[in-house]
Amino acid sequence: MDSPWKEALEGYFEAFMGLFFPEAHAGIDWTRGYEFLDKELQQVVRDAESGRRHVDKLAKVWRNDGEEAWVLAHVEVQSSPERGFPKRMYQYNYRLFDRYDRPVASFAVLADDRVGWRPARYGYELWGCKAGLEFPAVKLLDYESRWTELEQRANPFAVLVRGPLKARATRRDPGERLKWKWTLVRELYERGDAKEDLLNLFRFLDWLLALPDELERTFDELLAEYEEEKKMPYVIPAKVGNPAGAPTRNPTGDSTGDPAGHGSRRSGVCRRHSGGAIAARASRHCSIDSPPRRPACAEGTAATGRRRRLPQGTRRRPQQVRKRLTAQICRRPELLATGGN
């Protein structure tokens, strides 16, 4: 499916500009509407291959003085900085101006994890000749300190921004992620939005805050009870039907989408199970973003998972036994509650 960032920009473009770029928002006559220019953008964007780690939307708007203007909204959703990003902003801007002879305002949202990476300009100079572009850019990480403000804003993008912030903060704590996913989704219902808006916002949060299957079932149970209590059967029927465009998950809780552009998130892989540190919930020992690792088992084969017979008279070393038990726990977390029997 298309990136939920793209869906969010298409559905809530005015709210996006109002939250992130209030000065530009104030200069646009929103009563005249706006128009997305996807075909025009594709004419100048040659690196639009699948799997790219940024989202671009080009919109035609009207200024308050009655003049037409074009707005290029760019969301950079990769986790690590890209050296060529400022140059790409410059290239997109001048290509659009050169091809269509329209003034273009370029804006950037940076969703990466590096606090100090804040590109806002690109240019060069040669023998007294200067060329370049300065562009407004906002950093999602800056909104961590503005959490209370986001809670109080009626802007729907204020809800969406909290999603990636909590996805980042809970990437190694599925239990905490479940808590925040439930908190944010319940808030959607309390906002009183129309059903279509609620489903759109839910789809974005559900994609960002992916959970392992066990916790996803817990979340669905909480949501089903809440919807029944409030007489608002919105999300659960849609999830049961798995409509076109809805994210799908595999048994480990991976989502087919990735808000940070890293490919699918890995989850449910046990990192360690030893001594009294083992909790009753296996989710406490699983990392949502850990690299995939096949559970080590000296007696099993990768292809079949069957026990391999050892030569007669050979004793299994303690390390082999420990690996075998770890593999069993990874496959069957309920063993923790029964002592592994």
Protein backbone atom coordinates (compact mmCIF):
# COMPACT_ATOMS: atom_id res chain seq x y z
CA MET A 1 0.00 0.00 0.00
CA ASP A 2 1.04 3.65 -0.34
CA SER A 3 2.86 5.10 2.60
CA PRO A 4 0.45 6.27 5.31
CA TRP A 5 2.44 9.50 5.29
CA LYS A 6 1.20 10.05 1.75
CA GLU A 7 -2.37 9.24 2.77
CA ALA A 8 -2.10 11.63 5.71
CA LEU A 9 -0.83 14.45 3.50
CA GLU A 10 -3.60 13.90 0.96
CA GLY A 11 -6.35 13.73 3.57
CA TYR A 12 -5.18 16.46 5.94
CA PHE A 13 -3.02 18.82 3.90
CA GLU A 14 -4.46 21.99 5.43
CA ALA A 15 -3.99 20.59 8.93
CA PHE A 16 -0.43 19.55 8.01
CA MET A 17 0.47 23.09 6.95
CA GLY A 18 -1.30 24.59 9.97
CA LEU A 19 0.67 22.50 12.47
CA PHE A 20 4.12 22.53 10.91
CA PHE A 21 4.24 25.74 8.84
CA PRO A 22 1.76 28.25 10.34
CA GLU A 23 3.21 31.25 8.50
CA ALA A 24 2.61 29.67 5.10
CA HIS A 25 -0.77 28.38 6.26
CA ALA A 26 -1.82 31.93 7.14
CA GLY A 27 -0.84 33.15 3.69
CA ILE A 28 -3.05 30.65 1.81
CA ASP A 29 -6.70 31.25 0.98
CA TRP A 30 -8.09 27.89 2.01
CA THR A 31 -11.64 28.87 1.04
CA ARG A 32 -10.62 28.42 -2.61
CA GLY A 33 -9.45 24.88 -1.99
CA TYR A 34 -6.28 23.27 -3.34
CA GLU A 35 -5.30 20.79 -6.00
CA PHE A 36 -2.64 18.08 -5.91
CA LEU A 37 -0.42 18.00 -8.98
CA ASP A 38 0.86 14.42 -8.95
CA LYS A 39 1.42 14.20 -12.71
CA GLU A 40 3.32 17.48 -12.77
CA LEU A 41 5.52 16.32 -9.90
CA GLN A 42 6.30 13.00 -11.57
CA GLN A 43 7.57 14.83 -14.63
CA VAL A 44 10.46 16.23 -12.61
CA VAL A 45 11.00 13.52 -10.00
CA ARG A 46 12.98 10.72 -11.61
CA ASP A 47 13.82 8.76 -8.47
CA ALA A 48 10.24 7.79 -7.62
CA GLU A 49 11.01 4.07 -7.48
CA SER A 50 9.23 1.88 -4.96
CA GLY A 51 10.83 1.70 -1.55
CA ARG A 52 12.07 5.28 -1.50
CA ARG A 53 12.34 6.78 1.94
CA HIS A 54 10.61 10.07 1.41
CA VAL A 55 7.16 11.29 0.44
CA ASP A 56 6.54 14.27 -1.82
CA LYS A 57 3.27 16.06 -2.49
CA LEU A 58 2.90 19.01 -4.82
CA ALA A 59 -0.19 21.17 -4.37
CA LYS A 60 -1.55 24.21 -6.19
CA VAL A 61 -2.95 26.78 -3.75
CA TRP A 62 -4.15 30.36 -3.88
CA ARG A 63 -2.54 33.10 -1.86
CA ASN A 64 -4.57 35.62 0.10
CA ASP A 65 -3.68 38.27 -2.47
CA GLY A 66 -5.35 36.21 -5.19
CA GLU A 67 -2.19 34.95 -6.87
CA GLU A 68 -1.61 31.30 -7.68
CA ALA A 69 1.27 29.53 -5.92
CA TRP A 70 2.63 26.00 -5.76
CA VAL A 71 3.61 24.27 -2.53
CA LEU A 72 6.00 21.31 -2.44
CA ALA A 73 5.61 19.40 0.84
CA HIS A 74 8.42 16.90 1.41
CA VAL A 75 8.46 14.37 4.27
CA GLU A 76 11.82 12.67 4.82
CA VAL A 77 10.98 9.50 6.73
CA GLN A 78 14.26 7.59 6.75
CA SER A 79 15.97 6.96 10.08
CA SER A 80 19.44 8.11 9.10
CA PRO A 81 20.42 11.41 7.48
CA GLU A 82 21.05 11.49 3.74
CA ARG A 83 23.86 13.70 2.52
CA GLY A 84 22.12 14.43 -0.76
CA PHE A 85 18.84 15.57 0.79
CA PRO A 86 19.41 19.38 0.63
CA LYS A 87 20.55 19.08 -2.98
CA ARG A 88 17.45 17.07 -3.84
CA MET A 89 15.24 19.80 -2.35
CA TYR A 90 17.04 22.35 -4.52
CA GLN A 91 16.72 20.22 -7.65
CA TYR A 92 13.01 19.59 -7.22
CA ASN A 93 12.40 23.29 -6.68
CA TYR A 94 14.27 24.59 -9.69
CA ARG A 95 13.00 21.80 -11.97
CA LEU A 96 9.40 22.69 -11.14
CA PHE A 97 10.02 26.38 -11.68
CA ASP A 98 11.89 25.76 -14.93
CA ARG A 99 9.26 23.44 -16.36
CA TYR A 100 6.06 25.22 -15.30
CA ASP A 101 7.21 28.81 -14.63
CA ARG A 102 5.46 28.92 -11.26
CA PRO A 103 6.84 30.12 -7.89
CA VAL A 104 7.37 27.09 -5.68
CA ALA A 105 7.64 27.04 -1.89
CA SER A 106 9.42 23.93 -0.57
CA PHE A 107 8.90 22.57 2.95
CA ALA A 108 10.51 19.62 4.71
CA VAL A 109 9.56 17.42 7.66
CA LEU A 110 12.43 15.37 9.09
CA ALA A 111 11.40 12.15 10.82
CA ASP A 112 14.90 10.74 11.40
CA ASP A 113 16.51 9.96 14.78
CA ARG A 114 19.54 12.26 14.70
CA VAL A 115 18.85 15.39 16.75
CA GLY A 116 21.66 17.44 15.22
CA TRP A 117 20.78 16.83 11.54
CA ARG A 118 18.82 19.90 10.44
CA PRO A 119 19.38 20.72 6.77
CA ALA A 120 17.67 23.93 5.67
CA ARG A 121 19.65 25.16 2.67
CA TYR A 122 21.63 24.16 -0.36
CA GLY A 123 23.77 26.30 -2.60
CA TYR A 124 27.05 26.84 -4.35
CA GLU A 125 29.18 29.76 -5.51
CA LEU A 126 31.59 30.06 -8.39
CA TRP A 127 33.48 33.23 -9.42
CA GLY A 128 30.97 35.58 -7.90
CA CYS A 129 27.94 33.63 -9.15
CA LYS A 130 25.66 32.25 -6.40
CA ALA A 131 22.76 29.81 -6.63
CA GLY A 132 20.84 28.01 -3.93
CA LEU A 133 17.69 27.44 -1.91
CA GLU A 134 16.71 28.00 1.71
CA PHE A 135 13.69 26.06 2.89
CA PRO A 136 11.74 25.76 6.16
CA ALA A 137 12.24 22.38 7.85
CA VAL A 138 10.74 20.95 11.03
CA LYS A 139 12.05 18.09 13.11
CA LEU A 140 9.56 15.63 14.60
CA LEU A 141 11.87 15.01 17.55
CA ASP A 142 11.35 18.62 18.64
CA TYR A 143 7.73 17.84 19.39
CA GLU A 144 8.66 15.49 22.21
CA SER A 145 9.05 18.55 24.44
CA ARG A 146 5.72 19.92 23.17
CA TRP A 147 3.62 16.89 24.08
CA THR A 148 1.14 18.84 26.22
CA GLU A 149 0.62 21.31 23.39
CA LEU A 150 -0.07 18.47 20.97
CA GLU A 151 -2.65 16.98 23.35
CA GLN A 152 -4.53 20.27 23.45
CA ARG A 153 -4.55 20.93 19.71
CA ALA A 154 -7.68 20.08 17.75
CA ASN A 155 -5.55 19.68 14.64
CA PRO A 156 -5.72 16.02 13.48
CA PHE A 157 -2.02 16.11 12.60
CA ALA A 158 -1.29 16.76 16.27
CA VAL A 159 -2.59 13.23 16.88
CA LEU A 160 -0.58 11.75 14.01
CA VAL A 161 2.69 13.35 15.15
CA ARG A 162 2.48 11.61 18.51
CA GLY A 163 2.34 8.26 16.72
CA PRO A 164 5.92 8.30 15.33
CA LEU A 165 7.22 9.80 18.57
CA LYS A 166 5.84 6.90 20.62
CA ALA A 167 6.83 4.37 17.97
CA ARG A 168 10.41 5.53 18.38
CA ALA A 169 10.27 5.61 22.20
CA THR A 170 8.75 2.10 22.53
CA ARG A 171 10.58 0.24 19.78
CA ARG A 172 12.13 -2.14 22.34
CA ASP A 173 9.20 -2.32 24.76
CA PRO A 174 6.09 -3.95 23.21
CA GLY A 175 4.15 -3.70 26.47
CA GLU A 176 4.66 0.06 26.64
CA ARG A 177 3.80 0.35 22.96
CA LEU A 178 0.50 -1.45 23.58
CA LYS A 179 -0.27 1.05 26.33
CA TRP A 180 0.37 4.07 24.13
CA LYS A 181 -1.38 2.64 21.10
CA TRP A 182 -4.50 2.10 23.18
CA THR A 183 -4.22 5.60 24.68
CA LEU A 184 -3.90 7.33 21.31
CA VAL A 185 -6.61 5.27 19.59
CA ARG A 186 -9.05 5.82 22.43
CA GLU A 187 -8.37 9.53 22.11
CA LEU A 188 -9.47 9.34 18.48
CA TYR A 189 -12.93 8.23 19.60
CA GLU A 190 -13.10 10.96 22.24
CA ARG A 191 -12.31 13.66 19.66
CA GLY A 192 -15.73 13.14 18.10
CA ASP A 193 -14.48 13.03 14.51
CA ALA A 194 -16.55 11.62 11.67
CA LYS A 195 -16.26 7.87 11.09
CA GLU A 196 -14.18 8.32 7.91
CA ASP A 197 -11.70 10.61 9.68
CA LEU A 198 -11.45 8.24 12.62
CA LEU A 199 -10.68 5.30 10.33
CA ASN A 200 -8.07 7.29 8.40
CA LEU A 201 -6.31 8.41 11.56
CA PHE A 202 -6.53 4.91 13.05
CA ARG A 203 -4.94 3.38 9.94
CA PHE A 204 -1.93 5.66 10.33
CA LEU A 205 -1.46 4.89 14.04
CA ASP A 206 -2.08 1.17 13.55
CA TRP A 207 0.65 1.07 10.90
CA LEU A 208 3.15 2.99 13.02
CA LEU A 209 2.54 1.19 16.31
CA ALA A 210 2.72 -2.41 15.08
CA LEU A 211 2.55 -5.06 17.81
CA PRO A 212 3.44 -8.75 18.09
CA ASP A 213 0.43 -10.95 17.44
CA GLU A 214 -0.28 -11.74 21.10
CA LEU A 215 -0.40 -8.07 22.07
CA GLU A 216 -2.29 -7.19 18.89
CA ARG A 217 -5.02 -9.60 19.97
CA THR A 218 -5.07 -7.95 23.39
CA PHE A 219 -5.44 -4.57 21.71
CA ASP A 220 -8.28 -5.83 19.50
CA GLU A 221 -10.10 -7.19 22.56
CA LEU A 222 -9.80 -3.84 24.34
CA LEU A 223 -11.01 -2.01 21.26
CA ALA A 224 -13.93 -4.39 20.68
CA GLU A 225 -15.12 -3.90 24.27
CA TYR A 226 -14.74 -0.13 23.96
CA GLU A 227 -16.63 0.03 20.66
CA GLU A 228 -19.43 -2.10 22.07
CA GLU A 229 -19.67 0.11 25.14
CA LYS A 230 -19.74 3.31 23.07
CA LYS A 231 -21.97 1.85 20.35
CA MET A 232 -19.38 2.82 17.75
CA PRO A 233 -18.50 -0.30 15.69
CA TYR A 234 -16.01 1.46 13.42
CA VAL A 235 -12.58 -0.14 13.51
CA ILE A 236 -13.12 -3.78 14.50
CA PRO A 237 -15.48 -4.63 11.61
CA ALA A 238 -13.02 -3.02 9.20
CA LYS A 239 -10.10 -5.00 10.65
CA VAL A 240 -12.04 -8.25 10.49
CA GLY A 241 -12.83 -7.60 6.84
CA ASN A 242 -9.22 -6.49 6.14
CA PRO A 243 -10.26 -3.95 3.49
CA ALA A 244 -8.00 -3.11 0.59
CA GLY A 245 -5.13 -0.95 1.69
CA ALA A 246 -5.15 -2.10 5.31
CA PRO A 247 -1.76 -3.15 6.67
CA THR A 248 -1.24 -6.88 7.09
CA ARG A 249 0.91 -8.59 9.68
CA ASN A 250 2.79 -11.80 9.95
CA PRO A 251 2.78 -13.90 13.14
CA THR A 252 5.61 -11.84 14.68
CA GLY A 253 3.72 -8.58 14.45
CA ASP A 254 5.51 -7.10 11.43
CA SER A 255 3.63 -4.53 9.41
CA THR A 256 3.86 -4.39 5.63
CA GLY A 257 4.48 -0.68 5.90
CA ASP A 258 7.30 1.22 7.55
CA PRO A 259 6.93 4.81 8.81
CA ALA A 260 10.64 5.30 8.91
CA GLY A 261 11.32 3.71 5.57
CA HIS A 262 13.37 0.82 6.93
CA GLY A 263 11.27 -1.99 5.47
CA SER A 264 9.20 -4.09 7.83
CA ARG A 265 9.80 -4.01 11.56
CA ARG A 266 10.90 -7.22 13.20
CA SER A 267 9.28 -8.21 16.42
CA GLY A 268 8.71 -11.09 18.77
CA VAL A 269 12.33 -12.28 18.72
CA CYS A 270 13.42 -13.18 22.24
CA ARG A 271 16.69 -11.59 23.23
CA ARG A 272 17.45 -13.42 26.47
CA HIS A 273 15.73 -15.65 29.00
CA SER A 274 17.85 -16.40 32.04
CA GLY A 275 17.52 -16.73 35.80
CA GLY A 276 15.07 -14.71 37.87
CA ALA A 277 15.01 -11.92 35.28
CA ILE A 278 12.45 -13.85 33.24
CA ALA A 279 9.02 -12.22 33.56
CA ALA A 280 5.69 -13.90 33.13
CA ARG A 281 5.12 -12.03 29.86
CA ALA A 282 7.40 -12.95 26.97
CA SER A 283 6.79 -9.58 25.40
CA ARG A 284 9.00 -8.01 28.04
CA HIS A 285 11.94 -9.81 26.46
CA CYS A 286 11.20 -9.14 22.80
CA SER A 287 12.45 -6.29 20.66
CA ILE A 288 10.22 -4.79 18.00
CA ASP A 289 13.10 -3.49 15.91
CA SER A 290 15.70 -6.19 16.54
CA PRO A 291 17.20 -7.91 13.49
CA PRO A 292 15.62 -11.29 12.76
CA ARG A 293 17.43 -14.21 14.34
CA ARG A 294 16.46 -17.83 14.03
CA PRO A 295 16.35 -19.33 17.55
CA ALA A 296 19.54 -21.27 18.12
CA CYS A 297 19.06 -24.97 18.77
CA ALA A 298 21.96 -27.41 18.55
CA GLU A 299 19.62 -30.36 18.16
CA GLY A 300 17.32 -28.89 15.46
CA THR A 301 17.70 -28.23 11.77
CA ALA A 302 16.78 -24.93 10.11
CA ALA A 303 14.71 -26.66 7.45
CA THR A 304 12.51 -28.94 9.55
CA GLY A 305 12.96 -27.86 13.18
CA ARG A 306 13.14 -31.56 14.14
CA ARG A 307 15.43 -32.85 16.82
CA ARG A 308 18.68 -34.24 15.47
CA ARG A 309 19.80 -37.48 17.10
CA LEU A 310 23.18 -37.34 18.78
CA PRO A 311 25.60 -40.30 18.57
CA GLN A 312 24.95 -42.92 21.22
CA GLY A 313 26.75 -42.16 24.41
CA THR A 314 27.13 -38.45 23.61
CA ARG A 315 25.93 -36.03 26.27
CA ARG A 316 24.53 -32.64 25.42
CA ARG A 317 26.62 -29.78 26.71
CA PRO A 318 24.93 -27.25 29.03
CA GLN A 319 25.23 -24.61 26.32
CA GLN A 320 23.30 -26.78 23.89
CA VAL A 321 20.57 -27.41 26.43
CA ARG A 322 20.30 -23.70 27.17
CA LYS A 323 19.97 -22.90 23.46
CA ARG A 324 17.29 -25.56 23.06
CA LEU A 325 15.27 -24.14 25.95
CA THR A 326 15.63 -20.61 24.60
CA ALA A 327 14.30 -21.76 21.23
CA GLN A 328 11.31 -23.43 22.92
CA ILE A 329 10.53 -20.28 24.90
CA CYS A 330 10.72 -18.13 21.77
CA ARG A 331 8.24 -20.42 20.02
CA ARG A 332 5.98 -20.96 23.04
CA PRO A 333 6.05 -18.05 25.56
CA GLU A 334 3.42 -19.84 27.65
CA LEU A 335 6.18 -22.19 28.82
CA LEU A 336 7.38 -19.39 31.09
CA ALA A 337 4.26 -19.72 33.17
CA THR A 338 4.59 -23.50 33.47
CA GLY A 339 8.25 -23.68 34.26
CA GLY A 340 9.17 -25.01 30.82
CA ASN A 341 7.49 -28.41 31.25
